[in-house]
Amino acid sequence: MKLKKFALLICSLLLFGCTTARHVQMDWMFVDGGRSTGELTMAIMWNPQHDKPDIDVWQAQTQAANKCRSWGFQEAEQNGDIVTRCTRKSSGFLGTCIRKEALIRYHCTNRTQ
């Protein structure tokens, strides 16, 4: 009886360990926008079944500001909140989310903060 309980405990721990999302550092990337409008969108994408991103808004701000500077602007200002959505689901009746993305929109300005 003790052996069955022990085996059940080990199986439960292994199953839980395999299904728990791990914390990972994700790098923001430029995905949309242009110099003519001074608007840009930064994003990260992940599989929520395996990963739980440590969302670093400061990194997104820094990369957006660098992009704005490359277009001739001085700074980037966040335009709205972070938007998170499921962009791909597995096949099947209910469909589990297998790809999520977080988006932050920015507006390039010529004002220094």
N, C-alpha and C. Protein backbone atom coordinates (compact mmCIF):
# COMPACT_ATOMS: atom_id res chain seq x y z
N MET A 1 0.82 -1.19 0.00
CA MET A 1 0.00 0.00 0.00
C MET A 1 0.88 1.27 0.00
N LYS A 2 1.94 1.25 0.81
CA LYS A 2 2.82 2.41 0.86
C LYS A 2 3.49 2.65 -0.48
N LEU A 3 3.83 1.57 -1.19
CA LEU A 3 4.48 1.69 -2.49
C LEU A 3 3.55 2.34 -3.50
N LYS A 4 2.25 2.01 -3.45
CA LYS A 4 1.29 2.63 -4.37
C LYS A 4 1.14 4.12 -4.11
N LYS A 5 1.08 4.49 -2.82
CA LYS A 5 0.97 5.91 -2.48
C LYS A 5 2.22 6.67 -2.92
N PHE A 6 3.39 6.03 -2.70
CA PHE A 6 4.64 6.67 -3.11
C PHE A 6 4.69 6.85 -4.63
N ALA A 7 4.30 5.83 -5.37
CA ALA A 7 4.30 5.90 -6.83
C ALA A 7 3.33 6.97 -7.32
N LEU A 8 2.17 7.06 -6.67
CA LEU A 8 1.19 8.08 -7.02
C LEU A 8 1.74 9.49 -6.76
N LEU A 9 2.42 9.65 -5.64
CA LEU A 9 3.04 10.93 -5.30
C LEU A 9 4.09 11.31 -6.33
N ILE A 10 4.95 10.40 -6.70
CA ILE A 10 6.01 10.66 -7.69
C ILE A 10 5.39 11.02 -9.04
N CYS A 11 4.40 10.28 -9.47
CA CYS A 11 3.73 10.57 -10.75
C CYS A 11 3.08 11.95 -10.72
N SER A 12 2.46 12.30 -9.61
CA SER A 12 1.82 13.61 -9.49
C SER A 12 2.84 14.74 -9.57
N LEU A 13 3.96 14.56 -8.88
CA LEU A 13 5.02 15.57 -8.92
C LEU A 13 5.61 15.71 -10.32
N LEU A 14 5.82 14.59 -11.00
CA LEU A 14 6.35 14.65 -12.36
C LEU A 14 5.37 15.33 -13.30
N LEU A 15 4.10 15.00 -13.19
CA LEU A 15 3.09 15.61 -14.04
C LEU A 15 2.98 17.10 -13.77
N PHE A 16 2.97 17.50 -12.50
CA PHE A 16 2.89 18.91 -12.15
C PHE A 16 4.12 19.66 -12.65
N GLY A 17 5.28 19.05 -12.50
CA GLY A 17 6.52 19.69 -12.96
C GLY A 17 6.55 19.87 -14.46
N CYS A 18 5.95 18.98 -15.20
CA CYS A 18 5.96 19.07 -16.66
C CYS A 18 4.95 20.08 -17.18
N THR A 19 3.91 20.36 -16.40
CA THR A 19 2.86 21.23 -16.90
C THR A 19 2.96 22.66 -16.36
N THR A 20 3.90 22.91 -15.47
CA THR A 20 4.03 24.25 -14.91
C THR A 20 4.85 25.12 -15.84
N ALA A 21 4.33 26.30 -16.14
CA ALA A 21 5.06 27.24 -17.00
C ALA A 21 6.26 27.78 -16.24
N ARG A 22 7.37 27.94 -16.94
CA ARG A 22 8.59 28.46 -16.31
C ARG A 22 8.72 29.94 -16.62
N HIS A 23 9.29 30.69 -15.68
CA HIS A 23 9.54 32.11 -15.90
C HIS A 23 10.70 32.27 -16.87
N VAL A 24 10.52 33.10 -17.88
CA VAL A 24 11.58 33.36 -18.86
C VAL A 24 11.65 34.85 -19.16
N GLN A 25 12.85 35.30 -19.50
CA GLN A 25 13.06 36.68 -19.92
C GLN A 25 12.80 36.75 -21.42
N MET A 26 11.91 37.60 -21.84
CA MET A 26 11.60 37.77 -23.26
C MET A 26 12.08 39.14 -23.71
N ASP A 27 12.61 39.21 -24.91
CA ASP A 27 13.05 40.49 -25.47
C ASP A 27 11.95 41.07 -26.36
N TRP A 28 11.65 42.34 -26.15
CA TRP A 28 10.66 43.03 -26.96
C TRP A 28 11.21 43.24 -28.36
N MET A 29 10.34 43.20 -29.36
CA MET A 29 10.77 43.44 -30.73
C MET A 29 9.79 44.40 -31.42
N PHE A 30 10.32 45.14 -32.36
CA PHE A 30 9.53 46.05 -33.17
C PHE A 30 8.71 45.21 -34.14
N VAL A 31 7.38 45.42 -34.19
CA VAL A 31 6.54 44.63 -35.08
C VAL A 31 5.71 45.46 -36.05
N ASP A 32 5.55 46.77 -35.78
CA ASP A 32 4.72 47.57 -36.68
C ASP A 32 5.00 49.05 -36.44
N GLY A 33 4.76 49.85 -37.47
CA GLY A 33 4.88 51.30 -37.33
C GLY A 33 5.74 51.88 -38.43
N GLY A 34 5.91 53.19 -38.37
CA GLY A 34 6.71 53.82 -39.40
C GLY A 34 7.09 55.25 -39.06
N ARG A 35 8.14 55.72 -39.71
CA ARG A 35 8.66 57.06 -39.50
C ARG A 35 7.63 58.12 -39.85
N SER A 36 6.89 57.93 -40.93
CA SER A 36 5.95 58.97 -41.38
C SER A 36 4.85 59.27 -40.35
N THR A 37 4.43 58.26 -39.61
CA THR A 37 3.39 58.47 -38.60
C THR A 37 3.98 58.68 -37.20
N GLY A 38 5.22 58.24 -37.00
CA GLY A 38 5.83 58.33 -35.68
C GLY A 38 5.21 57.38 -34.68
N GLU A 39 4.52 56.38 -35.17
CA GLU A 39 3.87 55.38 -34.31
C GLU A 39 4.62 54.06 -34.45
N LEU A 40 4.72 53.32 -33.34
CA LEU A 40 5.33 52.01 -33.42
C LEU A 40 4.74 51.09 -32.37
N THR A 41 4.85 49.80 -32.64
CA THR A 41 4.34 48.77 -31.74
C THR A 41 5.46 47.81 -31.42
N MET A 42 5.64 47.55 -30.12
CA MET A 42 6.61 46.58 -29.65
C MET A 42 5.83 45.36 -29.15
N ALA A 43 6.41 44.15 -29.29
CA ALA A 43 5.70 42.94 -28.89
C ALA A 43 6.65 41.88 -28.35
N ILE A 44 6.09 41.00 -27.54
CA ILE A 44 6.73 39.75 -27.17
C ILE A 44 5.70 38.65 -27.42
N MET A 45 6.17 37.44 -27.77
CA MET A 45 5.29 36.31 -28.03
C MET A 45 5.82 35.09 -27.28
N TRP A 46 4.90 34.27 -26.77
CA TRP A 46 5.31 33.09 -26.02
C TRP A 46 4.22 32.03 -26.06
N ASN A 47 4.60 30.80 -25.68
CA ASN A 47 3.66 29.71 -25.54
C ASN A 47 3.28 29.62 -24.06
N PRO A 48 2.04 29.96 -23.70
CA PRO A 48 1.65 29.96 -22.29
C PRO A 48 1.63 28.58 -21.65
N GLN A 49 1.68 27.53 -22.46
CA GLN A 49 1.73 26.18 -21.92
C GLN A 49 3.10 25.87 -21.31
N HIS A 50 4.14 26.57 -21.78
CA HIS A 50 5.50 26.29 -21.34
C HIS A 50 6.18 27.47 -20.65
N ASP A 51 5.82 28.69 -21.05
CA ASP A 51 6.55 29.87 -20.59
C ASP A 51 5.63 30.87 -19.90
N LYS A 52 6.19 31.57 -18.94
CA LYS A 52 5.52 32.69 -18.30
C LYS A 52 6.53 33.85 -18.35
N PRO A 53 6.31 34.80 -19.26
CA PRO A 53 7.32 35.84 -19.44
C PRO A 53 7.40 36.81 -18.27
N ASP A 54 8.63 37.23 -17.98
CA ASP A 54 8.85 38.34 -17.05
C ASP A 54 8.79 39.59 -17.91
N ILE A 55 7.66 40.27 -17.91
CA ILE A 55 7.44 41.40 -18.80
C ILE A 55 8.20 42.62 -18.28
N ASP A 56 9.20 43.04 -19.05
CA ASP A 56 10.06 44.16 -18.68
C ASP A 56 9.66 45.38 -19.53
N VAL A 57 8.80 46.21 -18.97
CA VAL A 57 8.29 47.38 -19.69
C VAL A 57 9.42 48.39 -19.94
N TRP A 58 10.38 48.45 -19.03
CA TRP A 58 11.51 49.37 -19.22
C TRP A 58 12.30 48.99 -20.48
N GLN A 59 12.48 47.71 -20.73
CA GLN A 59 13.19 47.27 -21.94
C GLN A 59 12.41 47.68 -23.19
N ALA A 60 11.08 47.52 -23.17
CA ALA A 60 10.26 47.93 -24.31
C ALA A 60 10.39 49.42 -24.55
N GLN A 61 10.36 50.22 -23.48
CA GLN A 61 10.50 51.67 -23.58
C GLN A 61 11.86 52.04 -24.19
N THR A 62 12.90 51.40 -23.73
CA THR A 62 14.25 51.69 -24.23
C THR A 62 14.37 51.36 -25.72
N GLN A 63 13.86 50.20 -26.11
CA GLN A 63 13.94 49.81 -27.52
C GLN A 63 13.07 50.71 -28.39
N ALA A 64 11.91 51.12 -27.90
CA ALA A 64 11.06 52.03 -28.66
C ALA A 64 11.74 53.39 -28.83
N ALA A 65 12.36 53.88 -27.76
CA ALA A 65 13.07 55.16 -27.85
C ALA A 65 14.22 55.08 -28.84
N ASN A 66 14.94 53.98 -28.84
CA ASN A 66 16.03 53.80 -29.81
C ASN A 66 15.50 53.80 -31.24
N LYS A 67 14.36 53.15 -31.45
CA LYS A 67 13.77 53.12 -32.79
C LYS A 67 13.35 54.52 -33.21
N CYS A 68 12.72 55.26 -32.29
CA CYS A 68 12.31 56.64 -32.59
C CYS A 68 13.53 57.51 -32.93
N ARG A 69 14.62 57.35 -32.18
CA ARG A 69 15.83 58.12 -32.46
C ARG A 69 16.39 57.79 -33.84
N SER A 70 16.29 56.53 -34.23
CA SER A 70 16.80 56.14 -35.56
C SER A 70 15.96 56.77 -36.67
N TRP A 71 14.72 57.18 -36.35
CA TRP A 71 13.86 57.85 -37.30
C TRP A 71 13.98 59.37 -37.23
N GLY A 72 14.82 59.88 -36.31
CA GLY A 72 15.02 61.32 -36.20
C GLY A 72 14.22 62.00 -35.10
N PHE A 73 13.53 61.23 -34.27
CA PHE A 73 12.80 61.79 -33.14
C PHE A 73 13.68 61.73 -31.90
N GLN A 74 13.24 62.39 -30.83
CA GLN A 74 14.03 62.41 -29.60
C GLN A 74 13.62 61.34 -28.60
N GLU A 75 12.36 61.01 -28.55
CA GLU A 75 11.88 60.13 -27.48
C GLU A 75 10.66 59.34 -27.93
N ALA A 76 10.27 58.34 -27.11
CA ALA A 76 9.06 57.55 -27.35
C ALA A 76 8.18 57.64 -26.11
N GLU A 77 6.91 57.87 -26.33
CA GLU A 77 5.94 57.89 -25.22
C GLU A 77 4.97 56.74 -25.40
N GLN A 78 4.72 56.02 -24.31
CA GLN A 78 3.77 54.91 -24.36
C GLN A 78 2.38 55.46 -24.66
N ASN A 79 1.68 54.78 -25.55
CA ASN A 79 0.36 55.21 -25.98
C ASN A 79 -0.66 54.13 -25.60
N GLY A 80 -1.15 54.16 -24.36
CA GLY A 80 -2.11 53.15 -23.91
C GLY A 80 -1.47 52.09 -23.05
N ASP A 81 -2.28 51.13 -22.66
CA ASP A 81 -1.84 50.04 -21.79
C ASP A 81 -1.28 48.88 -22.60
N ILE A 82 -0.66 47.94 -21.90
CA ILE A 82 -0.21 46.70 -22.53
C ILE A 82 -1.44 45.88 -22.89
N VAL A 83 -1.48 45.38 -24.11
CA VAL A 83 -2.59 44.55 -24.57
C VAL A 83 -2.05 43.13 -24.72
N THR A 84 -2.71 42.17 -24.05
CA THR A 84 -2.31 40.76 -24.14
C THR A 84 -3.46 39.98 -24.76
N ARG A 85 -3.11 39.11 -25.70
CA ARG A 85 -4.15 38.31 -26.36
C ARG A 85 -3.59 36.97 -26.84
N CYS A 86 -4.49 36.03 -27.02
CA CYS A 86 -4.13 34.73 -27.58
C CYS A 86 -4.16 34.87 -29.10
N THR A 87 -3.08 34.48 -29.75
CA THR A 87 -3.02 34.60 -31.21
C THR A 87 -3.09 33.26 -31.93
N ARG A 88 -2.97 32.15 -31.18
CA ARG A 88 -3.10 30.84 -31.80
C ARG A 88 -3.60 29.84 -30.77
N LYS A 89 -4.57 29.03 -31.20
CA LYS A 89 -5.12 27.98 -30.34
C LYS A 89 -4.84 26.63 -30.96
N SER A 90 -4.77 25.62 -30.11
CA SER A 90 -4.60 24.26 -30.60
C SER A 90 -5.89 23.82 -31.26
N SER A 91 -5.77 22.79 -32.07
CA SER A 91 -6.98 22.27 -32.72
C SER A 91 -7.81 21.52 -31.69
N GLY A 92 -9.04 21.33 -31.99
CA GLY A 92 -9.93 20.64 -31.06
C GLY A 92 -11.12 21.50 -30.72
N PHE A 93 -12.05 20.92 -29.99
CA PHE A 93 -13.30 21.60 -29.68
C PHE A 93 -13.08 22.86 -28.85
N LEU A 94 -12.33 22.76 -27.77
CA LEU A 94 -12.12 23.92 -26.90
C LEU A 94 -10.91 24.75 -27.31
N GLY A 95 -9.89 24.12 -27.82
CA GLY A 95 -8.70 24.82 -28.26
C GLY A 95 -7.97 25.54 -27.13
N THR A 96 -6.84 25.02 -26.75
CA THR A 96 -6.01 25.63 -25.72
C THR A 96 -5.11 26.67 -26.38
N CYS A 97 -4.90 27.79 -25.70
CA CYS A 97 -4.03 28.83 -26.24
C CYS A 97 -2.59 28.32 -26.28
N ILE A 98 -1.97 28.34 -27.45
CA ILE A 98 -0.58 27.89 -27.57
C ILE A 98 0.36 29.02 -28.00
N ARG A 99 -0.18 30.20 -28.28
CA ARG A 99 0.67 31.37 -28.52
C ARG A 99 -0.04 32.62 -28.05
N LYS A 100 0.62 33.35 -27.16
CA LYS A 100 0.11 34.63 -26.68
C LYS A 100 1.07 35.72 -27.08
N GLU A 101 0.56 36.93 -27.13
CA GLU A 101 1.43 38.06 -27.38
C GLU A 101 1.02 39.23 -26.50
N ALA A 102 1.99 40.03 -26.16
CA ALA A 102 1.75 41.27 -25.45
C ALA A 102 2.24 42.39 -26.36
N LEU A 103 1.44 43.43 -26.49
CA LEU A 103 1.76 44.56 -27.36
C LEU A 103 1.77 45.86 -26.56
N ILE A 104 2.72 46.73 -26.87
CA ILE A 104 2.72 48.08 -26.33
C ILE A 104 2.90 49.03 -27.51
N ARG A 105 2.03 50.02 -27.60
CA ARG A 105 2.12 51.02 -28.67
C ARG A 105 2.82 52.26 -28.14
N TYR A 106 3.60 52.88 -29.01
CA TYR A 106 4.35 54.09 -28.67
C TYR A 106 4.15 55.15 -29.74
N HIS A 107 4.34 56.39 -29.33
CA HIS A 107 4.32 57.54 -30.24
C HIS A 107 5.66 58.25 -30.09
N CYS A 108 6.34 58.47 -31.21
CA CYS A 108 7.62 59.18 -31.19
C CYS A 108 7.36 60.68 -31.03
N THR A 109 8.18 61.33 -30.21
CA THR A 109 8.02 62.77 -29.98
C THR A 109 9.38 63.46 -30.09
N ASN A 110 9.32 64.77 -30.14
CA ASN A 110 10.53 65.57 -30.12
C ASN A 110 10.66 66.31 -28.80
N ARG A 111 9.97 65.82 -27.78
CA ARG A 111 10.09 66.35 -26.42
C ARG A 111 10.99 65.44 -25.62
N THR A 112 11.90 66.01 -24.86
CA THR A 112 12.69 65.20 -23.94
C THR A 112 11.96 65.16 -22.61
N GLN A 113 12.11 64.07 -21.92
CA GLN A 113 11.38 63.92 -20.66
C GLN A 113 12.15 64.48 -19.50
